[in-house]
Amino acid sequence: MGKHYYIELSRNDIGIVSYFPGLELKDDMNYDWIDDVLVPVVKPIAERKSKKIQETPITFWTCVRNTARRRAEIFLFVTPAYPGKLIEDALSKALEPFIYGKVHAGIERLPEYAYPCLQVFRGKLIKFYLKDEAAARLYLPSIISKDDASHGYEPALDIIPTYGPIEEEEELGLTPVEARILTVSNGNECRKFQQSLTPIAMEVD
């Protein structure tokens, strides 16, 4: 087995929560909201030279859930929940173009069904995938448009299995890294450990 990278994350954490109706998905049924909508707005944050931004692992988690406003909305959680004004302002500005969304609606505990999708750290934009040891498969969290006959198009979370290695996407500047979700460590412990590393992730055989 070749070398790969992984980062340990924990859902036992709180994050800044924003939510969006995902109307961008209606433009193209082949859209993946994470790659086609979220990545372009997050990528400029990774390119910023600020030491504070470079040295803070900013992780994006996502899920889709019903709300009082809509049958399905995309929820985006960002950890750490209190990154400081510089990072909060950069995130808020980046997410502003999303239509009819609520940016930084509050602070909320990560739900069990939220999946890590992206991370900005040390000038890299990392794309997370998950690994199922039992099935020997890799999975990519994606948000696609689902056609509901009675309610029209709605965003839906889809965990897509892949049968080969996930390649680096140079045109998007994405580095693929496995997300290992820990059940015992809290988010603060995981982030402190990441920040103490010189490389962006751990390497194993």
N, C-alpha and C. Protein backbone atom coordinates (compact mmCIF):
# COMPACT_ATOMS: atom_id res chain seq x y z
N MET A 1 0.85 -1.20 0.00
CA MET A 1 0.00 0.00 0.00
C MET A 1 0.88 1.24 0.00
N GLY A 2 0.53 2.20 -0.85
CA GLY A 2 1.32 3.41 -0.93
C GLY A 2 1.09 4.33 0.25
N LYS A 3 1.89 5.38 0.30
CA LYS A 3 1.75 6.34 1.39
C LYS A 3 0.53 7.22 1.15
N HIS A 4 -0.08 7.62 2.24
CA HIS A 4 -1.17 8.58 2.15
C HIS A 4 -1.12 9.46 3.38
N TYR A 5 -1.92 10.50 3.37
CA TYR A 5 -1.95 11.44 4.47
C TYR A 5 -3.28 11.37 5.19
N TYR A 6 -3.22 11.60 6.49
CA TYR A 6 -4.47 11.69 7.23
C TYR A 6 -4.36 12.76 8.30
N ILE A 7 -5.51 13.30 8.67
CA ILE A 7 -5.60 14.27 9.76
C ILE A 7 -6.70 13.78 10.70
N GLU A 8 -6.41 13.80 11.98
CA GLU A 8 -7.39 13.38 12.97
C GLU A 8 -8.26 14.57 13.38
N LEU A 9 -9.56 14.38 13.29
CA LEU A 9 -10.53 15.42 13.63
C LEU A 9 -11.51 14.87 14.65
N SER A 10 -12.23 15.75 15.28
CA SER A 10 -13.21 15.33 16.28
C SER A 10 -14.50 16.11 16.12
N ARG A 11 -15.63 15.37 16.17
CA ARG A 11 -16.93 16.05 16.16
C ARG A 11 -17.28 16.60 17.54
N ASN A 12 -16.51 16.23 18.53
CA ASN A 12 -16.75 16.74 19.88
C ASN A 12 -16.21 18.16 19.96
N ASP A 13 -16.88 19.06 19.26
CA ASP A 13 -16.36 20.41 19.08
C ASP A 13 -17.53 21.33 18.78
N ILE A 14 -17.28 22.62 18.88
CA ILE A 14 -18.27 23.61 18.47
C ILE A 14 -17.70 24.43 17.33
N GLY A 15 -18.58 24.96 16.49
CA GLY A 15 -18.12 25.72 15.33
C GLY A 15 -19.04 26.88 15.03
N ILE A 16 -18.56 27.76 14.17
CA ILE A 16 -19.39 28.85 13.66
C ILE A 16 -20.31 28.25 12.61
N VAL A 17 -21.60 28.47 12.73
CA VAL A 17 -22.54 27.86 11.79
C VAL A 17 -23.15 28.90 10.85
N SER A 18 -23.18 28.55 9.57
CA SER A 18 -23.87 29.33 8.55
C SER A 18 -24.79 28.37 7.80
N TYR A 19 -25.84 28.90 7.18
CA TYR A 19 -26.72 28.01 6.42
C TYR A 19 -27.16 28.68 5.13
N PHE A 20 -27.39 27.82 4.11
CA PHE A 20 -27.67 28.30 2.76
C PHE A 20 -28.68 27.39 2.08
N PRO A 21 -29.55 27.94 1.23
CA PRO A 21 -30.52 27.10 0.53
C PRO A 21 -29.92 26.29 -0.62
N GLY A 22 -28.69 26.60 -1.03
CA GLY A 22 -28.04 25.84 -2.09
C GLY A 22 -28.66 26.06 -3.46
N LEU A 23 -29.15 27.28 -3.72
CA LEU A 23 -29.80 27.57 -5.00
C LEU A 23 -28.84 27.45 -6.18
N GLU A 24 -27.53 27.54 -5.90
CA GLU A 24 -26.54 27.44 -6.98
C GLU A 24 -26.62 26.09 -7.69
N LEU A 25 -27.12 25.07 -7.00
CA LEU A 25 -27.18 23.73 -7.57
C LEU A 25 -28.18 23.64 -8.72
N LYS A 26 -29.13 24.57 -8.78
CA LYS A 26 -30.14 24.52 -9.83
C LYS A 26 -29.54 24.86 -11.20
N ASP A 27 -28.39 25.54 -11.22
CA ASP A 27 -27.79 25.95 -12.48
C ASP A 27 -27.27 24.77 -13.29
N ASP A 28 -26.86 23.72 -12.63
CA ASP A 28 -26.27 22.58 -13.31
C ASP A 28 -26.49 21.35 -12.45
N MET A 29 -27.17 20.35 -12.97
CA MET A 29 -27.48 19.15 -12.20
C MET A 29 -26.23 18.32 -11.89
N ASN A 30 -25.12 18.62 -12.56
CA ASN A 30 -23.87 17.91 -12.30
C ASN A 30 -23.02 18.61 -11.24
N TYR A 31 -23.52 19.71 -10.69
CA TYR A 31 -22.77 20.45 -9.68
C TYR A 31 -22.59 19.62 -8.41
N ASP A 32 -21.44 19.77 -7.82
CA ASP A 32 -21.19 19.34 -6.44
C ASP A 32 -20.97 20.64 -5.68
N TRP A 33 -21.84 20.95 -4.75
CA TRP A 33 -21.77 22.25 -4.06
C TRP A 33 -20.42 22.48 -3.40
N ILE A 34 -19.81 21.41 -2.88
CA ILE A 34 -18.53 21.57 -2.19
C ILE A 34 -17.44 21.98 -3.18
N ASP A 35 -17.30 21.23 -4.28
CA ASP A 35 -16.24 21.53 -5.26
C ASP A 35 -16.53 22.78 -6.08
N ASP A 36 -17.77 22.90 -6.55
CA ASP A 36 -18.09 23.94 -7.53
C ASP A 36 -18.51 25.27 -6.94
N VAL A 37 -18.94 25.27 -5.69
CA VAL A 37 -19.43 26.51 -5.07
C VAL A 37 -18.56 26.92 -3.87
N LEU A 38 -18.32 25.97 -2.96
CA LEU A 38 -17.59 26.30 -1.74
C LEU A 38 -16.09 26.50 -2.00
N VAL A 39 -15.48 25.61 -2.77
CA VAL A 39 -14.03 25.69 -3.01
C VAL A 39 -13.61 27.05 -3.57
N PRO A 40 -14.28 27.59 -4.60
CA PRO A 40 -13.84 28.88 -5.14
C PRO A 40 -13.84 30.03 -4.14
N VAL A 41 -14.77 30.00 -3.16
CA VAL A 41 -14.79 31.10 -2.18
C VAL A 41 -13.80 30.88 -1.04
N VAL A 42 -13.45 29.60 -0.78
CA VAL A 42 -12.52 29.30 0.30
C VAL A 42 -11.06 29.41 -0.16
N LYS A 43 -10.81 29.11 -1.42
CA LYS A 43 -9.44 29.07 -1.94
C LYS A 43 -8.67 30.37 -1.68
N PRO A 44 -9.26 31.57 -1.88
CA PRO A 44 -8.51 32.80 -1.61
C PRO A 44 -8.05 32.94 -0.16
N ILE A 45 -8.78 32.33 0.78
CA ILE A 45 -8.35 32.39 2.18
C ILE A 45 -7.03 31.64 2.34
N ALA A 46 -6.91 30.47 1.68
CA ALA A 46 -5.67 29.69 1.76
C ALA A 46 -4.49 30.46 1.17
N GLU A 47 -4.76 31.34 0.24
CA GLU A 47 -3.69 32.07 -0.45
C GLU A 47 -3.25 33.33 0.30
N ARG A 48 -3.95 33.68 1.36
CA ARG A 48 -3.58 34.87 2.11
C ARG A 48 -2.29 34.64 2.89
N LYS A 49 -1.49 35.67 3.01
CA LYS A 49 -0.16 35.54 3.62
C LYS A 49 -0.15 35.80 5.12
N SER A 50 -1.29 36.14 5.69
CA SER A 50 -1.35 36.42 7.13
C SER A 50 -0.86 35.22 7.93
N LYS A 51 0.05 35.44 8.87
CA LYS A 51 0.59 34.35 9.70
C LYS A 51 -0.52 33.72 10.53
N LYS A 52 -1.46 34.52 11.01
CA LYS A 52 -2.57 34.00 11.82
C LYS A 52 -3.39 32.99 11.01
N ILE A 53 -3.69 33.34 9.76
CA ILE A 53 -4.47 32.43 8.91
C ILE A 53 -3.64 31.21 8.53
N GLN A 54 -2.37 31.41 8.23
CA GLN A 54 -1.50 30.30 7.84
C GLN A 54 -1.35 29.27 8.95
N GLU A 55 -1.30 29.71 10.19
CA GLU A 55 -1.00 28.82 11.30
C GLU A 55 -2.23 28.28 12.02
N THR A 56 -3.41 28.64 11.56
CA THR A 56 -4.64 28.14 12.19
C THR A 56 -5.33 27.15 11.25
N PRO A 57 -5.48 25.88 11.66
CA PRO A 57 -6.23 24.94 10.82
C PRO A 57 -7.72 25.29 10.83
N ILE A 58 -8.22 25.82 9.73
CA ILE A 58 -9.62 26.23 9.60
C ILE A 58 -10.35 25.11 8.87
N THR A 59 -11.22 24.42 9.59
CA THR A 59 -11.87 23.23 9.04
C THR A 59 -13.35 23.48 8.76
N PHE A 60 -13.81 23.04 7.60
CA PHE A 60 -15.19 23.21 7.18
C PHE A 60 -15.89 21.85 7.24
N TRP A 61 -17.00 21.81 7.97
CA TRP A 61 -17.84 20.62 8.08
C TRP A 61 -19.20 20.96 7.47
N THR A 62 -19.86 19.98 6.88
CA THR A 62 -21.14 20.28 6.26
C THR A 62 -22.15 19.16 6.45
N CYS A 63 -23.42 19.54 6.37
CA CYS A 63 -24.52 18.58 6.40
C CYS A 63 -25.73 19.27 5.77
N VAL A 64 -26.76 18.51 5.53
CA VAL A 64 -28.02 19.06 5.02
C VAL A 64 -29.11 18.66 6.01
N ARG A 65 -29.94 19.62 6.41
CA ARG A 65 -31.02 19.29 7.33
C ARG A 65 -32.25 20.15 7.10
N ASN A 66 -33.39 19.65 7.55
CA ASN A 66 -34.65 20.39 7.44
C ASN A 66 -34.67 21.53 8.46
N THR A 67 -35.30 22.62 8.08
CA THR A 67 -35.44 23.75 9.00
C THR A 67 -36.87 24.29 8.89
N ALA A 68 -37.18 25.25 9.74
CA ALA A 68 -38.49 25.90 9.67
C ALA A 68 -38.60 26.76 8.41
N ARG A 69 -37.44 27.11 7.85
CA ARG A 69 -37.44 27.98 6.66
C ARG A 69 -37.64 27.17 5.38
N ARG A 70 -36.96 26.03 5.29
CA ARG A 70 -36.98 25.23 4.07
C ARG A 70 -36.94 23.75 4.41
N ARG A 71 -37.34 22.93 3.45
CA ARG A 71 -37.30 21.48 3.65
C ARG A 71 -35.87 20.96 3.75
N ALA A 72 -34.94 21.63 3.07
CA ALA A 72 -33.54 21.20 3.11
C ALA A 72 -32.64 22.42 2.93
N GLU A 73 -31.68 22.57 3.84
CA GLU A 73 -30.70 23.65 3.73
C GLU A 73 -29.32 23.08 4.01
N ILE A 74 -28.33 23.70 3.39
CA ILE A 74 -26.95 23.31 3.61
C ILE A 74 -26.43 24.04 4.84
N PHE A 75 -25.97 23.29 5.81
CA PHE A 75 -25.36 23.88 7.00
C PHE A 75 -23.84 23.72 6.90
N LEU A 76 -23.15 24.82 7.14
CA LEU A 76 -21.70 24.83 7.07
C LEU A 76 -21.15 25.24 8.44
N PHE A 77 -20.37 24.35 9.05
CA PHE A 77 -19.75 24.61 10.34
C PHE A 77 -18.27 24.86 10.13
N VAL A 78 -17.74 25.84 10.84
CA VAL A 78 -16.31 26.14 10.73
C VAL A 78 -15.70 26.06 12.12
N THR A 79 -14.62 25.28 12.25
CA THR A 79 -13.87 25.23 13.50
C THR A 79 -12.47 25.78 13.23
N PRO A 80 -11.89 26.47 14.21
CA PRO A 80 -12.37 26.71 15.57
C PRO A 80 -13.51 27.73 15.60
N ALA A 81 -14.31 27.66 16.66
CA ALA A 81 -15.47 28.54 16.78
C ALA A 81 -15.10 29.98 17.10
N TYR A 82 -13.93 30.17 17.70
CA TYR A 82 -13.49 31.52 18.07
C TYR A 82 -12.10 31.75 17.50
N PRO A 83 -11.99 31.94 16.16
CA PRO A 83 -10.66 32.03 15.54
C PRO A 83 -10.02 33.40 15.62
N GLY A 84 -10.75 34.38 16.12
CA GLY A 84 -10.23 35.74 16.14
C GLY A 84 -10.83 36.56 15.02
N LYS A 85 -10.80 37.88 15.19
CA LYS A 85 -11.49 38.80 14.26
C LYS A 85 -10.97 38.70 12.84
N LEU A 86 -9.67 38.55 12.66
CA LEU A 86 -9.08 38.51 11.32
C LEU A 86 -9.67 37.36 10.50
N ILE A 87 -9.69 36.16 11.10
CA ILE A 87 -10.20 34.99 10.38
C ILE A 87 -11.72 35.08 10.22
N GLU A 88 -12.42 35.52 11.26
CA GLU A 88 -13.87 35.65 11.16
C GLU A 88 -14.26 36.60 10.04
N ASP A 89 -13.55 37.72 9.92
CA ASP A 89 -13.85 38.68 8.86
C ASP A 89 -13.56 38.09 7.49
N ALA A 90 -12.46 37.34 7.36
CA ALA A 90 -12.11 36.72 6.07
C ALA A 90 -13.17 35.69 5.67
N LEU A 91 -13.62 34.89 6.63
CA LEU A 91 -14.64 33.89 6.36
C LEU A 91 -15.96 34.54 5.98
N SER A 92 -16.36 35.55 6.74
CA SER A 92 -17.62 36.23 6.49
C SER A 92 -17.65 36.86 5.10
N LYS A 93 -16.56 37.50 4.72
CA LYS A 93 -16.47 38.14 3.40
C LYS A 93 -16.54 37.09 2.29
N ALA A 94 -15.86 35.95 2.51
CA ALA A 94 -15.83 34.90 1.49
C ALA A 94 -17.21 34.29 1.26
N LEU A 95 -18.00 34.14 2.33
CA LEU A 95 -19.29 33.46 2.23
C LEU A 95 -20.44 34.39 1.85
N GLU A 96 -20.19 35.69 1.85
CA GLU A 96 -21.24 36.67 1.58
C GLU A 96 -21.98 36.46 0.25
N PRO A 97 -21.30 36.05 -0.84
CA PRO A 97 -22.01 35.97 -2.13
C PRO A 97 -23.10 34.90 -2.19
N PHE A 98 -23.16 33.97 -1.23
CA PHE A 98 -24.16 32.91 -1.30
C PHE A 98 -25.55 33.51 -1.15
N ILE A 99 -26.45 33.11 -2.07
CA ILE A 99 -27.78 33.72 -2.16
C ILE A 99 -28.68 33.27 -1.01
N TYR A 100 -29.35 34.24 -0.38
CA TYR A 100 -30.36 33.98 0.65
C TYR A 100 -29.83 33.15 1.82
N GLY A 101 -28.54 33.26 2.07
CA GLY A 101 -27.96 32.51 3.17
C GLY A 101 -27.85 33.36 4.42
N LYS A 102 -27.47 32.72 5.49
CA LYS A 102 -27.23 33.41 6.76
C LYS A 102 -25.81 33.06 7.18
N VAL A 103 -24.90 34.02 7.02
CA VAL A 103 -23.49 33.80 7.34
C VAL A 103 -23.26 34.06 8.82
N HIS A 104 -22.56 33.16 9.46
CA HIS A 104 -22.23 33.26 10.89
C HIS A 104 -23.49 33.50 11.72
N ALA A 105 -24.41 32.54 11.60
CA ALA A 105 -25.68 32.66 12.32
C ALA A 105 -25.51 32.44 13.82
N GLY A 106 -24.42 31.84 14.23
CA GLY A 106 -24.19 31.60 15.65
C GLY A 106 -23.12 30.56 15.87
N ILE A 107 -23.02 30.10 17.11
CA ILE A 107 -22.07 29.07 17.50
C ILE A 107 -22.87 27.84 17.90
N GLU A 108 -22.48 26.68 17.37
CA GLU A 108 -23.28 25.47 17.59
C GLU A 108 -22.36 24.25 17.70
N ARG A 109 -22.79 23.27 18.48
CA ARG A 109 -22.04 22.01 18.55
C ARG A 109 -22.20 21.25 17.24
N LEU A 110 -21.12 20.62 16.79
CA LEU A 110 -21.18 19.86 15.55
C LEU A 110 -22.12 18.68 15.70
N PRO A 111 -23.06 18.50 14.77
CA PRO A 111 -23.94 17.34 14.84
C PRO A 111 -23.22 16.07 14.41
N GLU A 112 -23.74 14.92 14.82
CA GLU A 112 -23.12 13.63 14.50
C GLU A 112 -23.11 13.35 13.01
N TYR A 113 -24.00 14.00 12.27
CA TYR A 113 -24.11 13.72 10.84
C TYR A 113 -23.41 14.78 9.99
N ALA A 114 -22.58 15.63 10.60
CA ALA A 114 -21.78 16.59 9.84
C ALA A 114 -20.49 15.91 9.39
N TYR A 115 -20.08 16.19 8.16
CA TYR A 115 -18.87 15.59 7.62
C TYR A 115 -17.84 16.67 7.32
N PRO A 116 -16.56 16.40 7.63
CA PRO A 116 -15.52 17.35 7.24
C PRO A 116 -15.34 17.32 5.73
N CYS A 117 -15.24 18.48 5.11
CA CYS A 117 -15.09 18.50 3.65
C CYS A 117 -13.83 19.23 3.20
N LEU A 118 -13.49 20.35 3.87
CA LEU A 118 -12.32 21.12 3.47
C LEU A 118 -11.58 21.63 4.69
N GLN A 119 -10.29 21.94 4.48
CA GLN A 119 -9.52 22.61 5.53
C GLN A 119 -8.50 23.53 4.88
N VAL A 120 -8.34 24.71 5.47
CA VAL A 120 -7.30 25.64 5.08
C VAL A 120 -6.22 25.57 6.15
N PHE A 121 -4.97 25.27 5.75
CA PHE A 121 -3.89 25.17 6.73
C PHE A 121 -2.55 25.29 6.02
N ARG A 122 -1.70 26.17 6.51
CA ARG A 122 -0.35 26.37 5.98
C ARG A 122 -0.34 26.60 4.47
N GLY A 123 -1.29 27.42 4.00
CA GLY A 123 -1.33 27.77 2.59
C GLY A 123 -1.92 26.71 1.69
N LYS A 124 -2.38 25.60 2.26
CA LYS A 124 -2.96 24.51 1.48
C LYS A 124 -4.48 24.52 1.60
N LEU A 125 -5.14 24.10 0.55
CA LEU A 125 -6.58 23.84 0.61
C LEU A 125 -6.74 22.32 0.54
N ILE A 126 -7.12 21.74 1.64
CA ILE A 126 -7.20 20.29 1.78
C ILE A 126 -8.63 19.82 1.54
N LYS A 127 -8.77 18.78 0.73
CA LYS A 127 -10.08 18.16 0.50
C LYS A 127 -10.11 16.84 1.26
N PHE A 128 -11.10 16.68 2.12
CA PHE A 128 -11.17 15.48 2.95
C PHE A 128 -11.95 14.36 2.27
N TYR A 129 -11.47 13.15 2.49
CA TYR A 129 -12.24 11.96 2.15
C TYR A 129 -12.25 11.05 3.37
N LEU A 130 -13.14 10.08 3.37
CA LEU A 130 -13.29 9.14 4.48
C LEU A 130 -12.93 7.75 4.00
N LYS A 131 -12.48 6.92 4.92
CA LYS A 131 -12.07 5.56 4.56
C LYS A 131 -12.87 4.54 5.34
N ASP A 132 -13.40 3.56 4.63
CA ASP A 132 -14.11 2.45 5.26
C ASP A 132 -13.19 1.24 5.20
N GLU A 133 -12.60 0.92 6.34
CA GLU A 133 -11.64 -0.19 6.38
C GLU A 133 -12.31 -1.51 6.01
N ALA A 134 -13.53 -1.72 6.49
CA ALA A 134 -14.21 -2.99 6.25
C ALA A 134 -14.49 -3.20 4.76
N ALA A 135 -14.93 -2.13 4.10
CA ALA A 135 -15.26 -2.25 2.69
C ALA A 135 -14.07 -1.96 1.78
N ALA A 136 -12.96 -1.52 2.38
CA ALA A 136 -11.76 -1.17 1.61
C ALA A 136 -12.08 -0.15 0.52
N ARG A 137 -12.90 0.84 0.89
CA ARG A 137 -13.26 1.87 -0.07
C ARG A 137 -13.05 3.25 0.54
N LEU A 138 -12.90 4.22 -0.33
CA LEU A 138 -12.80 5.61 0.06
C LEU A 138 -14.12 6.30 -0.30
N TYR A 139 -14.50 7.29 0.52
CA TYR A 139 -15.76 7.99 0.30
C TYR A 139 -15.54 9.50 0.30
N LEU A 140 -16.19 10.16 -0.62
CA LEU A 140 -16.13 11.62 -0.69
C LEU A 140 -17.49 12.21 -0.33
N PRO A 141 -17.55 13.06 0.68
CA PRO A 141 -18.82 13.75 0.94
C PRO A 141 -19.09 14.79 -0.14
N SER A 142 -20.29 14.77 -0.69
CA SER A 142 -20.68 15.71 -1.73
C SER A 142 -22.08 16.23 -1.43
N ILE A 143 -22.38 17.41 -1.92
CA ILE A 143 -23.74 17.94 -1.81
C ILE A 143 -24.24 18.17 -3.22
N ILE A 144 -25.30 17.46 -3.58
CA ILE A 144 -25.84 17.51 -4.93
C ILE A 144 -27.29 17.99 -4.87
N SER A 145 -27.86 18.18 -6.04
CA SER A 145 -29.25 18.58 -6.11
C SER A 145 -30.13 17.35 -6.31
N LYS A 146 -31.14 17.21 -5.47
CA LYS A 146 -32.06 16.09 -5.55
C LYS A 146 -33.41 16.59 -6.06
N ASP A 147 -33.95 15.91 -7.04
CA ASP A 147 -35.22 16.31 -7.62
C ASP A 147 -36.36 15.60 -6.89
N ASP A 148 -37.10 16.38 -6.11
CA ASP A 148 -38.26 15.85 -5.40
C ASP A 148 -39.51 16.25 -6.19
N ALA A 149 -40.28 15.26 -6.61
CA ALA A 149 -41.43 15.54 -7.49
C ALA A 149 -42.40 16.56 -6.90
N SER A 150 -42.58 16.55 -5.59
CA SER A 150 -43.57 17.44 -4.98
C SER A 150 -42.98 18.77 -4.52
N HIS A 151 -41.65 18.83 -4.36
CA HIS A 151 -41.05 20.05 -3.81
C HIS A 151 -39.96 20.66 -4.70
N GLY A 152 -39.71 20.07 -5.86
CA GLY A 152 -38.69 20.61 -6.75
C GLY A 152 -37.29 20.20 -6.31
N TYR A 153 -36.31 20.99 -6.70
CA TYR A 153 -34.92 20.65 -6.43
C TYR A 153 -34.51 21.08 -5.03
N GLU A 154 -33.82 20.17 -4.34
CA GLU A 154 -33.34 20.46 -3.00
C GLU A 154 -31.93 19.92 -2.85
N PRO A 155 -31.10 20.56 -2.02
CA PRO A 155 -29.77 20.01 -1.77
C PRO A 155 -29.85 18.73 -0.96
N ALA A 156 -28.93 17.81 -1.24
CA ALA A 156 -28.89 16.54 -0.50
C ALA A 156 -27.44 16.12 -0.33
N LEU A 157 -27.13 15.62 0.86
CA LEU A 157 -25.78 15.12 1.13
C LEU A 157 -25.64 13.73 0.53
N ASP A 158 -24.56 13.50 -0.20
CA ASP A 158 -24.32 12.20 -0.82
C ASP A 158 -22.89 11.78 -0.49
N ILE A 159 -22.73 10.59 0.05
CA ILE A 159 -21.40 10.07 0.34
C ILE A 159 -21.05 9.12 -0.79
N ILE A 160 -20.18 9.55 -1.69
CA ILE A 160 -19.90 8.83 -2.93
C ILE A 160 -18.71 7.90 -2.75
N PRO A 161 -18.89 6.60 -3.02
CA PRO A 161 -17.75 5.68 -2.94
C PRO A 161 -16.84 5.82 -4.16
N THR A 162 -15.55 5.68 -3.94
CA THR A 162 -14.59 5.68 -5.05
C THR A 162 -13.82 4.36 -5.00
N TYR A 163 -13.35 3.91 -6.14
CA TYR A 163 -12.72 2.61 -6.21
C TYR A 163 -11.23 2.70 -6.55
N GLY A 164 -10.69 3.88 -6.49
CA GLY A 164 -9.27 4.07 -6.75
C GLY A 164 -8.75 5.21 -5.92
N PRO A 165 -7.47 5.54 -6.04
CA PRO A 165 -6.92 6.65 -5.26
C PRO A 165 -7.55 7.98 -5.66
N ILE A 166 -7.66 8.87 -4.71
CA ILE A 166 -8.20 10.21 -4.98
C ILE A 166 -7.03 11.11 -5.35
N GLU A 167 -7.03 11.57 -6.57
CA GLU A 167 -5.90 12.33 -7.08
C GLU A 167 -5.97 13.79 -6.65
N GLU A 168 -4.80 14.41 -6.61
CA GLU A 168 -4.74 15.84 -6.33
C GLU A 168 -5.37 16.59 -7.50
N GLU A 169 -6.20 17.57 -7.19
CA GLU A 169 -6.87 18.35 -8.22
C GLU A 169 -6.12 19.67 -8.39
N GLU A 170 -5.16 19.66 -9.29
CA GLU A 170 -4.27 20.80 -9.44
C GLU A 170 -5.00 22.06 -9.87
N GLU A 171 -5.99 21.88 -10.75
CA GLU A 171 -6.69 23.07 -11.25
C GLU A 171 -7.46 23.77 -10.14
N LEU A 172 -7.88 23.03 -9.11
CA LEU A 172 -8.58 23.62 -7.97
C LEU A 172 -7.63 23.89 -6.80
N GLY A 173 -6.41 23.37 -6.91
CA GLY A 173 -5.46 23.53 -5.81
C GLY A 173 -5.82 22.70 -4.61
N LEU A 174 -6.46 21.54 -4.82
CA LEU A 174 -6.92 20.72 -3.71
C LEU A 174 -5.95 19.57 -3.43
N THR A 175 -5.61 19.41 -2.16
CA THR A 175 -4.78 18.29 -1.73
C THR A 175 -5.68 17.27 -1.02
N PRO A 176 -5.76 16.01 -1.51
CA PRO A 176 -6.62 15.03 -0.85
C PRO A 176 -6.00 14.45 0.41
N VAL A 177 -6.75 14.46 1.50
CA VAL A 177 -6.27 13.96 2.79
C VAL A 177 -7.41 13.19 3.46
N GLU A 178 -7.09 12.06 4.07
CA GLU A 178 -8.10 11.28 4.78
C GLU A 178 -8.46 11.95 6.09
N ALA A 179 -9.74 12.04 6.38
CA ALA A 179 -10.21 12.54 7.68
C ALA A 179 -10.52 11.35 8.57
N ARG A 180 -9.84 11.26 9.70
CA ARG A 180 -10.13 10.21 10.67
C ARG A 180 -10.88 10.85 11.84
N ILE A 181 -12.13 10.46 12.00
CA ILE A 181 -12.98 11.06 13.02
C ILE A 181 -12.78 10.31 14.33
N LEU A 182 -12.23 11.00 15.31
CA LEU A 182 -12.00 10.40 16.62
C LEU A 182 -13.26 10.52 17.48
N THR A 183 -13.49 9.53 18.29
CA THR A 183 -14.67 9.56 19.15
C THR A 183 -14.34 9.95 20.58
N VAL A 184 -13.05 10.00 20.93
CA VAL A 184 -12.69 10.30 22.32
C VAL A 184 -12.08 11.68 22.49
N SER A 185 -11.26 12.11 21.55
CA SER A 185 -10.59 13.41 21.70
C SER A 185 -11.55 14.55 21.40
N ASN A 186 -11.34 15.67 22.07
CA ASN A 186 -12.16 16.83 21.74
C ASN A 186 -11.48 17.68 20.68
N GLY A 187 -12.22 18.63 20.14
CA GLY A 187 -11.71 19.43 19.04
C GLY A 187 -10.48 20.24 19.40
N ASN A 188 -10.45 20.78 20.62
CA ASN A 188 -9.29 21.57 21.02
C ASN A 188 -8.02 20.74 21.01
N GLU A 189 -8.09 19.51 21.51
CA GLU A 189 -6.92 18.64 21.52
C GLU A 189 -6.43 18.36 20.10
N CYS A 190 -7.36 18.07 19.21
CA CYS A 190 -6.98 17.77 17.83
C CYS A 190 -6.32 18.97 17.17
N ARG A 191 -6.88 20.16 17.37
CA ARG A 191 -6.32 21.34 16.71
C ARG A 191 -4.95 21.69 17.26
N LYS A 192 -4.75 21.56 18.56
CA LYS A 192 -3.44 21.84 19.14
C LYS A 192 -2.39 20.90 18.57
N PHE A 193 -2.77 19.64 18.40
CA PHE A 193 -1.83 18.66 17.87
C PHE A 193 -1.47 19.01 16.44
N GLN A 194 -2.45 19.38 15.63
CA GLN A 194 -2.16 19.75 14.25
C GLN A 194 -1.25 20.97 14.19
N GLN A 195 -1.50 21.95 15.02
CA GLN A 195 -0.72 23.17 14.95
C GLN A 195 0.73 22.94 15.35
N SER A 196 1.01 21.87 16.09
CA SER A 196 2.38 21.62 16.52
C SER A 196 3.20 20.94 15.43
N LEU A 197 2.55 20.51 14.34
CA LEU A 197 3.24 19.78 13.28
C LEU A 197 3.82 20.74 12.25
N THR A 198 4.98 20.39 11.72
CA THR A 198 5.53 21.16 10.61
C THR A 198 4.85 20.80 9.30
N PRO A 199 4.68 19.48 8.97
CA PRO A 199 3.90 19.15 7.77
C PRO A 199 2.43 19.39 8.00
N ILE A 200 1.64 19.37 6.92
CA ILE A 200 0.22 19.63 7.05
C ILE A 200 -0.53 18.42 7.54
N ALA A 201 0.10 17.24 7.46
CA ALA A 201 -0.60 16.02 7.89
C ALA A 201 0.42 14.97 8.26
N MET A 202 -0.05 13.86 8.79
CA MET A 202 0.84 12.76 9.13
C MET A 202 0.93 11.80 7.96
N GLU A 203 2.08 11.18 7.82
CA GLU A 203 2.31 10.28 6.70
C GLU A 203 2.50 8.87 7.23
N VAL A 204 1.81 7.91 6.63
CA VAL A 204 1.95 6.54 7.08
C VAL A 204 2.17 5.63 5.88
N ASP A 205 2.73 4.45 6.14
CA ASP A 205 2.91 3.47 5.05
C ASP A 205 1.67 2.63 4.90
